[in-house]
Every structure is written in structure tokens, then in C-alpha cells.
Amino acid sequence: MNKFETVEGDHEDNDDEMVGSLISRRTALRLFGGAAGAGTLLAASKLAGANAQTSSSGALPSCIVRPAQTEGPYFVDEKLNRQDIRSDPTSKSVRPGAALRLTFLVSSVGSKGCAPLKDAMVDIWQCDASGTYSDVQGAVGQKFLRGYQTSDAKGVASFLTIYPGWYPGRTVHIHFKIRHGTGGSQKEFTSQLFFDDIFTDTVYKTAPYNARGSRNTRNASDGIYRNGGSQLLLDTKKDGTGYAATFDIGLNLG
């Protein structure tokens, strides 16, 4: 499998290690045929993220490069194909928290721009409102707030989750991994999604988030967010009694 470097071990030691890098304007121009040759992003064996919007001009399309970020130590390949990830599949208990409908629009990026990418496996995993991840440390055997969906013909993969909580040393975030292809030709892209601090402050005034003390890390002081997190910031909106956000991402499969 072609992939970015992964990080293992204790969370506090490793979750601030970066993988991948931003792509320059020159590289992007090459990718889209604006300069000599058709370039690749980062390396031919890796996926690179971009905002899946195209431009009608003959120069650089408006696809904005997304940075790859650390997988962290808490990824577990549970292979849980489900849209609603709020519950533990064994106990059926649902993690408390404000509902969040998260939609990915996955595209393939090439010299002709961006097109919907079908059959991309999109995994997400996150902590609960108390800052706990399932199937690690004190929650081994549980599988709440983990799951994957496969993108449809329009490149859409949707989840029902909760607004994530926080834990010391990290700002509020959701991890995601996108895989495409099979066997030795499978490629993957791993990164994280972030939330506006002011929006989070409002959410955290409500239960169950307000039962905890004030979080000690905001976006500006998170080492991972400072390395491209602004390009991974969700535009989260109120949606009935919960929230909703859509994230566009293009993948270079070259």
C-alpha cells in the first residue's frame, strides 16, 4: 500500500508529529497542465488533498491544496461500514453529544480539473465529549465514534457523529483517512478536520460539554493546526438541534 508515514505510541509524545507537506503553486500548475508536464503531488505514490472546485480560467484551477497531517496513535482499522458512528456496535449505547452531520465531497484531481471520485473509502475517528477514544487505553473493545463510508457516484460520503470533545494538548478535531484502489495499488491520504474556536465555545456551553473545565488548547496553540489547519477548517452550521458541515477534498491519483 502506498501511504504517508504513520505514527505509533503514546498520544502525548506522537500526536504532534507531522507527515506530508503543502504543495507549491508551481507544482499545482504542473498538475493541471499549466506548465510543462503533468506533475504529481508530494510523490507519485502518495495522495494529496485539494479543495474540489474547478476554475474556468486557463491558469490555476481554484483547487486549494489540503495538507496531509499525522494519523496519530489512535487509528484502529475497525472496518465498520456505517453511516451513524455514534454508538458502540456491541452495547448499542450512544455517546452523548450534539449531533453533527459530516459530509465529504471527494474528487479526483487531474489535468482537466476535478471530477467526482467513486468508491473512495472514507474513514473517520474522533474522541467523545469527554475526550475519550474507543478501542484504546481504558476503552479497549469499544468501537464508538469510528466508521467508514464509500463515496457514491457523486463522490459523496456522509456520516452522523457528534461534535467532538477535547483533551489536553490538542485543539478540537476529527481524524480522517481516505483510501482508493485495492491490493498493492491502494493509496491513502490521512489528515484532520478542525473547528472554529468561537463556534466551539458556543457549543461547549451546552451539555454534556459544559460539565468539563475550560479546554487548554485552542487552534492557534495547536502544533498540528499551525501547519495548514486553516485549510482543514470546517464551516460548521446549525442544523436543527445539531450541526452540519461539508468538506470538499480532491485526491491526485497519479
Protein backbone atom coordinates (compact mmCIF):
# COMPACT_ATOMS: atom_id res chain seq x y z
CA MET A 1 0.00 0.00 0.00
CA ASN A 2 1.25 3.49 -0.83
CA LYS A 3 0.77 5.68 2.19
CA PHE A 4 2.07 8.52 4.28
CA GLU A 5 4.19 7.79 7.33
CA THR A 6 2.12 6.70 10.34
CA VAL A 7 2.75 7.47 13.99
CA GLU A 8 2.52 4.94 16.79
CA GLY A 9 2.87 5.00 20.55
CA ASP A 10 1.74 7.34 23.30
CA HIS A 11 -0.55 10.14 22.20
CA GLU A 12 1.16 12.98 24.01
CA ASP A 13 4.55 12.01 22.55
CA ASN A 14 3.50 11.48 18.94
CA ASP A 15 0.29 13.23 18.04
CA ASP A 16 2.11 16.46 17.24
CA GLU A 17 4.35 14.86 14.60
CA MET A 18 3.59 15.98 11.07
CA VAL A 19 3.51 13.97 7.85
CA GLY A 20 3.16 15.28 4.32
CA SER A 21 3.56 18.89 3.26
CA LEU A 22 1.86 21.68 1.37
CA ILE A 23 2.14 21.82 -2.40
CA SER A 24 3.55 24.87 -4.11
CA ARG A 25 1.72 26.90 -6.75
CA ARG A 26 4.31 25.74 -9.31
CA THR A 27 3.58 22.07 -8.57
CA ALA A 28 -0.16 22.68 -8.76
CA LEU A 29 0.24 24.39 -12.13
CA ARG A 30 2.15 21.40 -13.44
CA LEU A 31 -0.51 19.03 -12.17
CA PHE A 32 -3.26 20.87 -14.00
CA GLY A 33 -1.27 21.24 -17.21
CA GLY A 34 -0.49 24.92 -16.72
CA ALA A 35 3.24 24.31 -17.01
CA ALA A 36 5.48 21.78 -18.72
CA GLY A 37 4.50 18.21 -17.96
CA ALA A 38 1.92 16.67 -15.66
CA GLY A 39 3.39 16.71 -12.18
CA THR A 40 2.39 14.71 -9.13
CA LEU A 41 1.62 15.92 -5.63
CA LEU A 42 4.25 15.15 -3.00
CA ALA A 43 5.21 11.88 -4.73
CA ALA A 44 3.73 9.58 -7.34
CA SER A 45 2.93 7.01 -4.68
CA LYS A 46 1.01 9.37 -2.42
CA LEU A 47 -2.35 11.10 -2.42
CA ALA A 48 -2.55 14.84 -1.95
CA GLY A 49 -5.61 16.75 -0.86
CA ALA A 50 -7.18 19.70 -2.60
CA ASN A 51 -10.40 21.65 -2.44
CA ALA A 52 -12.57 20.08 -5.14
CA GLN A 53 -13.56 23.22 -7.03
CA THR A 54 -12.53 23.94 -10.59
CA SER A 55 -11.78 27.16 -12.40
CA SER A 56 -12.92 28.15 -15.88
CA SER A 57 -9.70 30.10 -16.48
CA GLY A 58 -6.78 28.59 -18.35
CA ALA A 59 -4.37 29.05 -15.46
CA LEU A 60 -4.52 27.55 -11.99
CA PRO A 61 -7.87 25.96 -11.03
CA SER A 62 -9.27 27.02 -7.70
CA CYS A 63 -8.49 23.65 -6.13
CA ILE A 64 -6.75 24.61 -2.89
CA VAL A 65 -4.21 22.13 -1.64
CA ARG A 66 -5.05 20.38 1.64
CA PRO A 67 -2.11 19.32 3.81
CA ALA A 68 -1.66 15.77 4.98
CA GLN A 69 -1.41 15.53 8.76
CA THR A 70 -0.46 12.93 11.32
CA GLU A 71 -2.57 9.81 11.73
CA GLY A 72 -1.85 9.88 15.46
CA PRO A 73 -1.73 6.81 17.68
CA TYR A 74 -5.48 6.21 17.89
CA PHE A 75 -6.36 4.90 14.43
CA VAL A 76 -7.78 1.37 14.59
CA ASP A 77 -8.83 -0.20 11.30
CA GLU A 78 -12.16 -1.49 12.60
CA LYS A 79 -13.68 -1.89 9.11
CA LEU A 80 -17.02 -0.63 10.41
CA ASN A 81 -19.12 0.22 7.37
CA ARG A 82 -21.74 2.51 8.88
CA GLN A 83 -23.09 5.99 8.42
CA ASP A 84 -24.08 6.61 12.06
CA ILE A 85 -20.93 6.21 14.15
CA ARG A 86 -22.28 7.48 17.46
CA SER A 87 -22.92 4.11 19.09
CA ASP A 88 -20.87 1.13 20.17
CA PRO A 89 -21.93 -1.76 17.88
CA THR A 90 -21.88 -4.29 20.74
CA SER A 91 -23.58 -2.47 23.61
CA LYS A 92 -25.65 -0.21 21.30
CA SER A 93 -25.05 2.65 23.74
CA VAL A 94 -24.86 6.06 22.05
CA ARG A 95 -22.21 8.58 23.04
CA PRO A 96 -23.79 11.78 24.34
CA GLY A 97 -23.16 14.99 22.46
CA ALA A 98 -24.55 17.40 19.89
CA ALA A 99 -25.35 15.65 16.60
CA LEU A 100 -23.02 16.53 13.72
CA ARG A 101 -23.80 15.60 10.12
CA LEU A 102 -20.46 15.48 8.32
CA THR A 103 -20.38 15.14 4.53
CA PHE A 104 -17.29 14.57 2.39
CA LEU A 105 -17.31 15.50 -1.30
CA VAL A 106 -14.41 13.51 -2.74
CA SER A 107 -12.98 14.33 -6.16
CA SER A 108 -10.20 13.09 -8.39
CA VAL A 109 -7.83 15.88 -9.41
CA GLY A 110 -6.11 15.81 -12.80
CA SER A 111 -5.07 17.92 -15.76
CA LYS A 112 -8.73 18.55 -16.66
CA GLY A 113 -9.68 19.72 -13.18
CA CYS A 114 -11.74 17.91 -10.56
CA ALA A 115 -14.31 15.15 -11.08
CA PRO A 116 -16.35 13.16 -8.51
CA LEU A 117 -14.44 10.13 -7.23
CA LYS A 118 -16.50 6.97 -6.75
CA ASP A 119 -15.58 4.10 -4.40
CA ALA A 120 -13.24 6.05 -2.14
CA MET A 121 -13.21 4.56 1.36
CA VAL A 122 -13.53 7.40 3.86
CA ASP A 123 -12.73 6.54 7.50
CA ILE A 124 -13.27 8.92 10.40
CA TRP A 125 -12.43 8.57 14.08
CA GLN A 126 -12.64 11.00 16.97
CA CYS A 127 -12.89 11.38 20.72
CA ASP A 128 -16.22 11.67 22.55
CA ALA A 129 -17.44 14.67 24.53
CA SER A 130 -15.20 13.70 27.45
CA GLY A 131 -12.08 13.42 25.26
CA THR A 132 -12.01 9.60 25.13
CA TYR A 133 -11.23 7.47 22.05
CA SER A 134 -12.72 4.00 21.71
CA ASP A 135 -10.69 0.78 21.50
CA VAL A 136 -7.57 2.24 23.11
CA GLN A 137 -6.39 2.59 26.68
CA GLY A 138 -9.41 2.48 29.02
CA ALA A 139 -11.93 1.88 26.22
CA VAL A 140 -10.43 -1.22 24.59
CA GLY A 141 -13.09 -3.38 22.97
CA GLN A 142 -15.49 -0.49 22.39
CA LYS A 143 -15.91 0.98 18.91
CA PHE A 144 -17.89 4.19 19.30
CA LEU A 145 -17.17 7.15 17.03
CA ARG A 146 -15.40 5.09 14.39
CA GLY A 147 -16.55 4.02 10.96
CA TYR A 148 -16.22 4.36 7.21
CA GLN A 149 -18.38 5.09 4.20
CA THR A 150 -17.65 4.56 0.49
CA SER A 151 -18.19 7.53 -1.79
CA ASP A 152 -21.02 7.25 -4.30
CA ALA A 153 -21.06 8.25 -7.98
CA LYS A 154 -21.19 11.90 -6.93
CA GLY A 155 -18.20 11.49 -4.62
CA VAL A 156 -20.38 11.83 -1.51
CA ALA A 157 -19.67 10.03 1.78
CA SER A 158 -21.77 11.12 4.76
CA PHE A 159 -21.64 10.46 8.50
CA LEU A 160 -23.74 11.14 11.56
CA THR A 161 -21.47 11.73 14.53
CA ILE A 162 -21.26 14.14 17.47
CA TYR A 163 -19.40 17.39 17.89
CA PRO A 164 -16.04 16.19 19.29
CA GLY A 165 -14.80 16.96 22.75
CA TRP A 166 -11.28 17.93 23.73
CA TYR A 167 -8.30 16.51 25.58
CA PRO A 168 -5.14 18.18 26.92
CA GLY A 169 -2.63 19.34 24.34
CA ARG A 170 -4.91 19.23 21.29
CA THR A 171 -7.46 21.56 19.79
CA VAL A 172 -10.85 20.17 18.75
CA HIS A 173 -10.53 17.90 15.71
CA ILE A 174 -11.71 14.84 13.78
CA HIS A 175 -9.30 12.43 12.08
CA PHE A 176 -9.98 11.11 8.60
CA LYS A 177 -8.34 8.72 6.16
CA ILE A 178 -9.28 8.23 2.51
CA ARG A 179 -8.26 5.07 0.64
CA HIS A 180 -8.75 4.27 -3.02
CA GLY A 181 -7.89 1.22 -5.07
CA THR A 182 -7.16 -2.34 -3.98
CA GLY A 183 -4.21 -4.52 -3.11
CA GLY A 184 -0.74 -3.17 -3.76
CA SER A 185 -2.13 -0.31 -5.83
CA GLN A 186 -4.22 1.09 -2.99
CA LYS A 187 -3.30 4.63 -1.99
CA GLU A 188 -4.32 6.65 1.02
CA PHE A 189 -4.46 10.18 2.33
CA THR A 190 -4.64 10.96 6.05
CA SER A 191 -5.40 14.27 7.72
CA GLN A 192 -7.58 16.04 10.29
CA LEU A 193 -10.56 18.39 10.34
CA PHE A 194 -10.77 21.40 12.64
CA PHE A 195 -13.43 23.73 14.04
CA ASP A 196 -13.66 27.48 14.50
CA ASP A 197 -12.78 28.32 18.12
CA ILE A 198 -15.61 30.79 18.61
CA PHE A 199 -18.13 28.29 17.25
CA THR A 200 -16.75 25.62 19.57
CA ASP A 201 -17.02 27.98 22.54
CA THR A 202 -20.74 28.27 21.86
CA VAL A 203 -21.22 24.51 21.53
CA TYR A 204 -19.27 23.88 24.71
CA LYS A 205 -21.69 25.99 26.76
CA THR A 206 -24.21 23.17 26.39
CA ALA A 207 -24.38 19.70 27.93
CA PRO A 208 -22.50 17.41 28.08
CA TYR A 209 -19.54 19.61 27.14
CA ASN A 210 -20.13 22.19 29.88
CA ALA A 211 -19.58 19.55 32.57
CA ARG A 212 -15.85 19.79 31.95
CA GLY A 213 -13.44 22.61 32.65
CA SER A 214 -12.18 25.01 30.02
CA ARG A 215 -10.07 23.42 27.29
CA ASN A 216 -6.39 24.28 27.47
CA THR A 217 -5.54 24.24 23.74
CA ARG A 218 -7.10 26.34 21.01
CA ASN A 219 -6.32 26.34 17.30
CA ALA A 220 -3.54 28.93 17.44
CA SER A 221 -1.60 26.98 20.07
CA ASP A 222 -2.01 23.53 18.49
CA GLY A 223 1.16 22.50 16.67
CA ILE A 224 -0.73 20.41 14.12
CA TYR A 225 -3.28 23.11 13.34
CA ARG A 226 -0.50 25.67 12.80
CA ASN A 227 0.80 23.53 9.92
CA GLY A 228 -2.03 24.00 7.46
CA GLY A 229 -5.03 23.62 9.75
CA SER A 230 -6.72 26.70 8.32
CA GLN A 231 -7.15 24.72 5.05
CA LEU A 232 -8.85 21.94 7.01
CA LEU A 233 -11.26 24.15 8.93
CA LEU A 234 -14.90 23.07 8.71
CA ASP A 235 -17.62 25.62 8.00
CA THR A 236 -19.97 24.23 10.63
CA LYS A 237 -23.55 25.47 10.76
CA LYS A 238 -26.57 24.95 12.97
CA ASP A 239 -28.80 22.13 11.69
CA GLY A 240 -31.99 21.70 13.70
CA THR A 241 -30.97 20.64 17.19
CA GLY A 242 -27.48 19.72 15.97
CA TYR A 243 -24.88 20.84 13.45
CA ALA A 244 -23.77 20.11 9.88
CA ALA A 245 -20.61 20.58 7.83
CA THR A 246 -19.45 19.66 4.32
CA PHE A 247 -15.82 19.15 3.35
CA ASP A 248 -14.58 19.18 -0.27
CA ILE A 249 -11.37 17.31 -0.97
CA GLY A 250 -9.68 16.34 -4.24
CA LEU A 251 -7.19 13.49 -4.50
CA ASN A 252 -4.40 13.19 -7.05
CA LEU A 253 -4.31 9.53 -8.05
CA GLY A 254 -1.29 9.88 -10.33
